[in-house]
Amino acid sequence: MTGPDHARGATGTSAAAEDVAHAAARAFGLSPAPSDERCPSAAAQRLHTDPDTVERDLMKLVLTIVELLRQLMERTAIHRVDQGDLSEAQEERIGMTLMVLHERMTELCDRYDLTMDDLNLDLGPLGSLLPQNGG
């Protein structure tokens, strides 16, 4: 197989990649670039930003990343406890750290009027970023 079909793989792969691109565009509020390329700020106009909500939106993105990392750390800690890799003192310290981090996440969500569900980005055909109900 040569030409464009070889470069992008099977048609299904191309369609899936296009679906993911559309889902990402919806998630981040992107719109197609304007057809009038004479406008010097065409790239800036593709991203819809509201000066009144930019701080909250940025905080939502940051908290989403922190929550993803917190959940990964929690799973790793549970796995290490199950494997018996940690001493009792280490288990206690990790447990306390994860509890404090969860409390801080809740406080920050409250401060910016966000819920944990708000942090779960919809990735379109890939599903949601974070597991539902902490599962």
N, C-alpha and C. Protein backbone atom coordinates (compact mmCIF):
# COMPACT_ATOMS: atom_id res chain seq x y z
N MET A 1 0.84 -1.17 0.00
CA MET A 1 0.00 0.00 0.00
C MET A 1 0.89 1.23 0.00
N THR A 2 0.64 2.14 -0.94
CA THR A 2 1.44 3.36 -1.03
C THR A 2 0.52 4.56 -1.07
N GLY A 3 1.10 5.74 -1.02
CA GLY A 3 0.32 6.96 -1.11
C GLY A 3 -0.33 7.31 0.22
N PRO A 4 -1.44 8.07 0.14
CA PRO A 4 -2.09 8.56 1.36
C PRO A 4 -2.62 7.45 2.25
N ASP A 5 -3.13 6.35 1.65
CA ASP A 5 -3.67 5.27 2.47
C ASP A 5 -2.58 4.64 3.34
N HIS A 6 -1.37 4.52 2.77
CA HIS A 6 -0.27 3.94 3.54
C HIS A 6 0.16 4.87 4.67
N ALA A 7 0.17 6.17 4.39
CA ALA A 7 0.64 7.14 5.37
C ALA A 7 -0.27 7.22 6.59
N ARG A 8 -1.58 7.11 6.39
CA ARG A 8 -2.47 7.25 7.54
C ARG A 8 -2.99 5.94 8.05
N GLY A 9 -2.64 4.83 7.44
CA GLY A 9 -3.10 3.53 7.92
C GLY A 9 -4.47 3.22 7.38
N ALA A 10 -5.16 2.32 8.04
CA ALA A 10 -6.48 1.90 7.60
C ALA A 10 -7.47 3.06 7.74
N THR A 11 -8.52 3.01 6.93
CA THR A 11 -9.53 4.06 6.95
C THR A 11 -10.15 4.19 8.32
N GLY A 12 -10.36 3.07 9.01
CA GLY A 12 -10.94 3.09 10.35
C GLY A 12 -10.06 3.87 11.32
N THR A 13 -8.75 3.72 11.20
CA THR A 13 -7.82 4.43 12.06
C THR A 13 -7.93 5.93 11.82
N SER A 14 -8.03 6.32 10.55
CA SER A 14 -8.15 7.73 10.21
C SER A 14 -9.45 8.30 10.76
N ALA A 15 -10.54 7.54 10.65
CA ALA A 15 -11.83 8.00 11.15
C ALA A 15 -11.78 8.13 12.68
N ALA A 16 -11.14 7.18 13.36
CA ALA A 16 -11.03 7.24 14.82
C ALA A 16 -10.21 8.45 15.24
N ALA A 17 -9.13 8.73 14.53
CA ALA A 17 -8.29 9.89 14.85
C ALA A 17 -9.08 11.18 14.63
N GLU A 18 -9.89 11.21 13.59
CA GLU A 18 -10.72 12.39 13.33
C GLU A 18 -11.76 12.56 14.43
N ASP A 19 -12.36 11.46 14.90
CA ASP A 19 -13.32 11.52 16.00
C ASP A 19 -12.67 12.09 17.26
N VAL A 20 -11.46 11.63 17.55
CA VAL A 20 -10.75 12.12 18.73
C VAL A 20 -10.44 13.61 18.58
N ALA A 21 -10.04 14.03 17.39
CA ALA A 21 -9.75 15.45 17.16
C ALA A 21 -11.00 16.30 17.37
N HIS A 22 -12.15 15.83 16.88
CA HIS A 22 -13.40 16.57 17.06
C HIS A 22 -13.78 16.61 18.54
N ALA A 23 -13.59 15.50 19.26
CA ALA A 23 -13.91 15.47 20.69
C ALA A 23 -13.02 16.45 21.45
N ALA A 24 -11.73 16.49 21.12
CA ALA A 24 -10.82 17.42 21.78
C ALA A 24 -11.22 18.86 21.49
N ALA A 25 -11.62 19.13 20.25
CA ALA A 25 -12.04 20.48 19.90
C ALA A 25 -13.27 20.89 20.70
N ARG A 26 -14.22 19.95 20.86
CA ARG A 26 -15.42 20.26 21.66
C ARG A 26 -15.04 20.47 23.13
N ALA A 27 -14.15 19.65 23.65
CA ALA A 27 -13.78 19.74 25.07
C ALA A 27 -13.10 21.06 25.39
N PHE A 28 -12.31 21.58 24.48
CA PHE A 28 -11.58 22.81 24.74
C PHE A 28 -12.21 24.03 24.09
N GLY A 29 -13.42 23.88 23.55
CA GLY A 29 -14.15 25.01 23.00
C GLY A 29 -13.50 25.63 21.78
N LEU A 30 -12.87 24.82 20.95
CA LEU A 30 -12.23 25.33 19.75
C LEU A 30 -13.21 25.34 18.60
N SER A 31 -13.08 26.32 17.73
CA SER A 31 -13.89 26.37 16.52
C SER A 31 -12.94 26.44 15.33
N PRO A 32 -13.44 26.12 14.14
CA PRO A 32 -12.56 26.19 12.97
C PRO A 32 -12.00 27.59 12.79
N ALA A 33 -10.82 27.66 12.22
CA ALA A 33 -10.21 28.95 11.95
C ALA A 33 -11.05 29.70 10.93
N PRO A 34 -11.17 31.01 11.07
CA PRO A 34 -11.94 31.76 10.10
C PRO A 34 -11.31 31.67 8.72
N SER A 35 -12.15 31.72 7.68
CA SER A 35 -11.64 31.59 6.32
C SER A 35 -10.87 32.82 5.88
N ASP A 36 -11.11 33.96 6.52
CA ASP A 36 -10.40 35.19 6.19
C ASP A 36 -9.06 35.20 6.91
N GLU A 37 -8.00 34.82 6.21
CA GLU A 37 -6.67 34.73 6.80
C GLU A 37 -5.98 36.10 6.92
N ARG A 38 -6.64 37.20 6.44
CA ARG A 38 -6.05 38.53 6.53
C ARG A 38 -6.03 39.04 7.97
N CYS A 39 -6.91 38.51 8.81
CA CYS A 39 -7.01 38.95 10.19
C CYS A 39 -5.76 38.50 10.96
N PRO A 40 -5.01 39.42 11.55
CA PRO A 40 -3.75 39.05 12.22
C PRO A 40 -3.95 38.18 13.46
N SER A 41 -5.12 38.23 14.08
CA SER A 41 -5.32 37.45 15.30
C SER A 41 -6.23 36.25 15.04
N ALA A 42 -6.16 35.65 13.85
CA ALA A 42 -7.03 34.51 13.51
C ALA A 42 -6.80 33.34 14.46
N ALA A 43 -5.55 33.09 14.82
CA ALA A 43 -5.27 31.97 15.74
C ALA A 43 -5.86 32.24 17.11
N ALA A 44 -5.78 33.47 17.56
CA ALA A 44 -6.32 33.81 18.87
C ALA A 44 -7.84 33.73 18.89
N GLN A 45 -8.49 33.96 17.76
CA GLN A 45 -9.94 33.94 17.71
C GLN A 45 -10.49 32.52 17.72
N ARG A 46 -9.69 31.51 17.45
CA ARG A 46 -10.19 30.14 17.45
C ARG A 46 -10.51 29.65 18.85
N LEU A 47 -9.87 30.18 19.85
CA LEU A 47 -10.10 29.78 21.23
C LEU A 47 -11.05 30.78 21.86
N HIS A 48 -12.23 30.29 22.25
CA HIS A 48 -13.23 31.16 22.86
C HIS A 48 -12.90 31.33 24.34
N THR A 49 -12.52 32.53 24.73
CA THR A 49 -12.23 32.80 26.13
C THR A 49 -13.12 33.92 26.61
N ASP A 50 -13.59 33.78 27.80
CA ASP A 50 -14.41 34.79 28.44
C ASP A 50 -13.58 35.36 29.59
N PRO A 51 -13.27 36.65 29.56
CA PRO A 51 -12.44 37.22 30.63
C PRO A 51 -13.00 36.98 32.03
N ASP A 52 -14.31 36.84 32.14
CA ASP A 52 -14.92 36.65 33.45
C ASP A 52 -14.72 35.23 33.98
N THR A 53 -14.49 34.26 33.11
CA THR A 53 -14.38 32.87 33.56
C THR A 53 -13.02 32.25 33.30
N VAL A 54 -12.08 33.03 32.78
CA VAL A 54 -10.78 32.45 32.42
C VAL A 54 -10.06 31.87 33.64
N GLU A 55 -10.14 32.54 34.80
CA GLU A 55 -9.48 32.02 35.99
C GLU A 55 -10.09 30.68 36.42
N ARG A 56 -11.42 30.62 36.42
CA ARG A 56 -12.11 29.38 36.80
C ARG A 56 -11.80 28.26 35.81
N ASP A 57 -11.79 28.58 34.51
CA ASP A 57 -11.50 27.56 33.51
C ASP A 57 -10.07 27.04 33.62
N LEU A 58 -9.13 27.94 33.89
CA LEU A 58 -7.74 27.52 34.07
C LEU A 58 -7.62 26.65 35.32
N MET A 59 -8.30 27.05 36.39
CA MET A 59 -8.26 26.26 37.62
C MET A 59 -8.89 24.89 37.39
N LYS A 60 -9.94 24.84 36.59
CA LYS A 60 -10.58 23.56 36.28
C LYS A 60 -9.59 22.63 35.58
N LEU A 61 -8.83 23.17 34.63
CA LEU A 61 -7.83 22.36 33.92
C LEU A 61 -6.73 21.88 34.87
N VAL A 62 -6.23 22.78 35.71
CA VAL A 62 -5.17 22.41 36.66
C VAL A 62 -5.68 21.35 37.64
N LEU A 63 -6.88 21.56 38.18
CA LEU A 63 -7.43 20.60 39.14
C LEU A 63 -7.71 19.25 38.48
N THR A 64 -8.08 19.26 37.21
CA THR A 64 -8.29 18.00 36.49
C THR A 64 -7.00 17.20 36.43
N ILE A 65 -5.90 17.87 36.12
CA ILE A 65 -4.60 17.19 36.04
C ILE A 65 -4.18 16.70 37.42
N VAL A 66 -4.36 17.54 38.44
CA VAL A 66 -4.00 17.14 39.80
C VAL A 66 -4.84 15.94 40.25
N GLU A 67 -6.13 15.95 39.94
CA GLU A 67 -7.00 14.83 40.33
C GLU A 67 -6.61 13.55 39.61
N LEU A 68 -6.24 13.65 38.35
CA LEU A 68 -5.77 12.47 37.62
C LEU A 68 -4.52 11.90 38.29
N LEU A 69 -3.58 12.77 38.62
CA LEU A 69 -2.35 12.31 39.29
C LEU A 69 -2.64 11.75 40.68
N ARG A 70 -3.57 12.38 41.41
CA ARG A 70 -3.94 11.88 42.74
C ARG A 70 -4.51 10.47 42.65
N GLN A 71 -5.37 10.25 41.68
CA GLN A 71 -5.96 8.91 41.52
C GLN A 71 -4.91 7.88 41.12
N LEU A 72 -3.96 8.28 40.27
CA LEU A 72 -2.88 7.36 39.89
C LEU A 72 -2.00 7.02 41.09
N MET A 73 -1.69 8.02 41.92
CA MET A 73 -0.89 7.78 43.12
C MET A 73 -1.63 6.87 44.08
N GLU A 74 -2.94 7.08 44.21
CA GLU A 74 -3.73 6.26 45.11
C GLU A 74 -3.74 4.80 44.66
N ARG A 75 -3.91 4.58 43.36
CA ARG A 75 -3.89 3.21 42.83
C ARG A 75 -2.53 2.55 43.03
N THR A 76 -1.47 3.33 42.81
CA THR A 76 -0.12 2.79 43.01
C THR A 76 0.09 2.43 44.47
N ALA A 77 -0.36 3.28 45.38
CA ALA A 77 -0.22 3.00 46.81
C ALA A 77 -0.99 1.75 47.19
N ILE A 78 -2.21 1.60 46.69
CA ILE A 78 -3.01 0.41 46.99
C ILE A 78 -2.31 -0.84 46.47
N HIS A 79 -1.75 -0.75 45.28
CA HIS A 79 -1.03 -1.89 44.71
C HIS A 79 0.18 -2.24 45.57
N ARG A 80 0.92 -1.24 46.01
CA ARG A 80 2.10 -1.50 46.84
C ARG A 80 1.72 -2.08 48.19
N VAL A 81 0.61 -1.62 48.76
CA VAL A 81 0.14 -2.18 50.03
C VAL A 81 -0.25 -3.64 49.81
N ASP A 82 -0.97 -3.92 48.73
CA ASP A 82 -1.38 -5.30 48.43
C ASP A 82 -0.17 -6.21 48.21
N GLN A 83 0.90 -5.67 47.65
CA GLN A 83 2.11 -6.45 47.40
C GLN A 83 2.96 -6.61 48.65
N GLY A 84 2.69 -5.83 49.68
CA GLY A 84 3.47 -5.90 50.92
C GLY A 84 4.80 -5.19 50.81
N ASP A 85 4.92 -4.22 49.88
CA ASP A 85 6.18 -3.50 49.66
C ASP A 85 6.45 -2.40 50.69
N LEU A 86 5.45 -2.06 51.50
CA LEU A 86 5.58 -0.91 52.40
C LEU A 86 5.54 -1.34 53.86
N SER A 87 6.27 -0.59 54.67
CA SER A 87 6.19 -0.82 56.12
C SER A 87 4.88 -0.21 56.62
N GLU A 88 4.53 -0.52 57.86
CA GLU A 88 3.30 0.03 58.43
C GLU A 88 3.37 1.55 58.52
N ALA A 89 4.54 2.08 58.86
CA ALA A 89 4.71 3.53 58.95
C ALA A 89 4.56 4.19 57.58
N GLN A 90 5.12 3.56 56.55
CA GLN A 90 4.98 4.09 55.19
C GLN A 90 3.52 4.07 54.73
N GLU A 91 2.81 3.00 55.04
CA GLU A 91 1.39 2.91 54.69
C GLU A 91 0.61 4.03 55.35
N GLU A 92 0.89 4.27 56.63
CA GLU A 92 0.21 5.32 57.38
C GLU A 92 0.49 6.69 56.77
N ARG A 93 1.76 6.96 56.44
CA ARG A 93 2.14 8.24 55.87
C ARG A 93 1.49 8.46 54.50
N ILE A 94 1.48 7.45 53.67
CA ILE A 94 0.86 7.57 52.35
C ILE A 94 -0.65 7.80 52.49
N GLY A 95 -1.27 7.05 53.40
CA GLY A 95 -2.70 7.22 53.63
C GLY A 95 -3.05 8.62 54.06
N MET A 96 -2.29 9.16 55.00
CA MET A 96 -2.53 10.53 55.49
C MET A 96 -2.30 11.55 54.38
N THR A 97 -1.25 11.36 53.60
CA THR A 97 -0.95 12.29 52.51
C THR A 97 -2.08 12.31 51.49
N LEU A 98 -2.58 11.13 51.13
CA LEU A 98 -3.66 11.05 50.15
C LEU A 98 -4.95 11.67 50.71
N MET A 99 -5.20 11.48 51.99
CA MET A 99 -6.39 12.09 52.61
C MET A 99 -6.30 13.62 52.60
N VAL A 100 -5.13 14.15 52.95
CA VAL A 100 -4.94 15.60 52.95
C VAL A 100 -5.07 16.16 51.54
N LEU A 101 -4.50 15.48 50.57
CA LEU A 101 -4.59 15.93 49.18
C LEU A 101 -6.05 15.94 48.72
N HIS A 102 -6.81 14.92 49.09
CA HIS A 102 -8.23 14.87 48.71
C HIS A 102 -8.99 16.04 49.37
N GLU A 103 -8.68 16.33 50.63
CA GLU A 103 -9.32 17.46 51.31
C GLU A 103 -9.00 18.78 50.62
N ARG A 104 -7.74 18.97 50.22
CA ARG A 104 -7.34 20.20 49.53
C ARG A 104 -8.04 20.31 48.18
N MET A 105 -8.18 19.19 47.49
CA MET A 105 -8.89 19.19 46.21
C MET A 105 -10.34 19.63 46.41
N THR A 106 -10.97 19.12 47.45
CA THR A 106 -12.36 19.47 47.75
C THR A 106 -12.46 20.96 48.08
N GLU A 107 -11.53 21.48 48.86
CA GLU A 107 -11.53 22.90 49.21
C GLU A 107 -11.37 23.78 47.96
N LEU A 108 -10.44 23.41 47.08
CA LEU A 108 -10.24 24.20 45.87
C LEU A 108 -11.45 24.13 44.94
N CYS A 109 -12.05 22.96 44.85
CA CYS A 109 -13.27 22.83 44.04
C CYS A 109 -14.37 23.72 44.60
N ASP A 110 -14.52 23.75 45.91
CA ASP A 110 -15.53 24.60 46.54
C ASP A 110 -15.23 26.08 46.27
N ARG A 111 -13.97 26.47 46.37
CA ARG A 111 -13.58 27.86 46.16
C ARG A 111 -13.92 28.33 44.75
N TYR A 112 -13.76 27.47 43.75
CA TYR A 112 -14.01 27.84 42.36
C TYR A 112 -15.35 27.33 41.85
N ASP A 113 -16.22 26.93 42.78
CA ASP A 113 -17.57 26.46 42.45
C ASP A 113 -17.54 25.33 41.42
N LEU A 114 -16.69 24.34 41.69
CA LEU A 114 -16.57 23.17 40.82
C LEU A 114 -16.93 21.92 41.61
N THR A 115 -17.36 20.90 40.91
CA THR A 115 -17.57 19.59 41.53
C THR A 115 -16.54 18.64 40.93
N MET A 116 -16.39 17.50 41.55
CA MET A 116 -15.45 16.52 41.01
C MET A 116 -15.91 16.05 39.63
N ASP A 117 -17.22 16.03 39.39
CA ASP A 117 -17.73 15.67 38.06
C ASP A 117 -17.33 16.70 37.01
N ASP A 118 -17.19 17.96 37.40
CA ASP A 118 -16.75 19.00 36.45
C ASP A 118 -15.33 18.74 35.96
N LEU A 119 -14.54 18.03 36.77
CA LEU A 119 -13.14 17.77 36.42
C LEU A 119 -12.99 16.60 35.46
N ASN A 120 -14.04 15.85 35.27
CA ASN A 120 -13.98 14.65 34.43
C ASN A 120 -14.27 15.02 32.99
N LEU A 121 -13.21 15.25 32.21
CA LEU A 121 -13.36 15.65 30.82
C LEU A 121 -13.92 14.52 29.97
N ASP A 122 -14.81 14.88 29.05
CA ASP A 122 -15.37 13.92 28.10
C ASP A 122 -14.42 13.85 26.90
N LEU A 123 -13.84 12.69 26.67
CA LEU A 123 -12.89 12.51 25.58
C LEU A 123 -13.55 11.89 24.35
N GLY A 124 -14.85 12.06 24.24
CA GLY A 124 -15.59 11.57 23.07
C GLY A 124 -15.56 10.06 22.99
N PRO A 125 -15.08 9.52 21.86
CA PRO A 125 -15.10 8.07 21.67
C PRO A 125 -14.20 7.32 22.66
N LEU A 126 -13.29 8.01 23.30
CA LEU A 126 -12.41 7.37 24.28
C LEU A 126 -13.06 7.25 25.64
N GLY A 127 -14.18 7.93 25.85
CA GLY A 127 -14.86 7.90 27.15
C GLY A 127 -14.42 9.09 28.00
N SER A 128 -14.62 8.97 29.30
CA SER A 128 -14.25 10.06 30.20
C SER A 128 -12.81 9.88 30.68
N LEU A 129 -12.20 11.00 31.07
CA LEU A 129 -10.81 10.99 31.52
C LEU A 129 -10.63 10.23 32.82
N LEU A 130 -11.51 10.51 33.78
CA LEU A 130 -11.41 9.90 35.10
C LEU A 130 -12.44 8.78 35.24
N PRO A 131 -12.13 7.76 36.02
CA PRO A 131 -13.11 6.69 36.24
C PRO A 131 -14.38 7.24 36.91
N GLN A 132 -15.51 6.69 36.53
CA GLN A 132 -16.76 7.11 37.14
C GLN A 132 -16.86 6.59 38.57
N ASN A 133 -17.32 7.43 39.48
CA ASN A 133 -17.53 7.05 40.89
C ASN A 133 -16.29 6.48 41.53
N GLY A 134 -15.13 6.96 41.14
CA GLY A 134 -13.89 6.51 41.76
C GLY A 134 -13.56 5.06 41.50
N GLY A 135 -14.22 4.43 40.51
CA GLY A 135 -14.03 3.00 40.26
C GLY A 135 -12.91 2.65 39.39
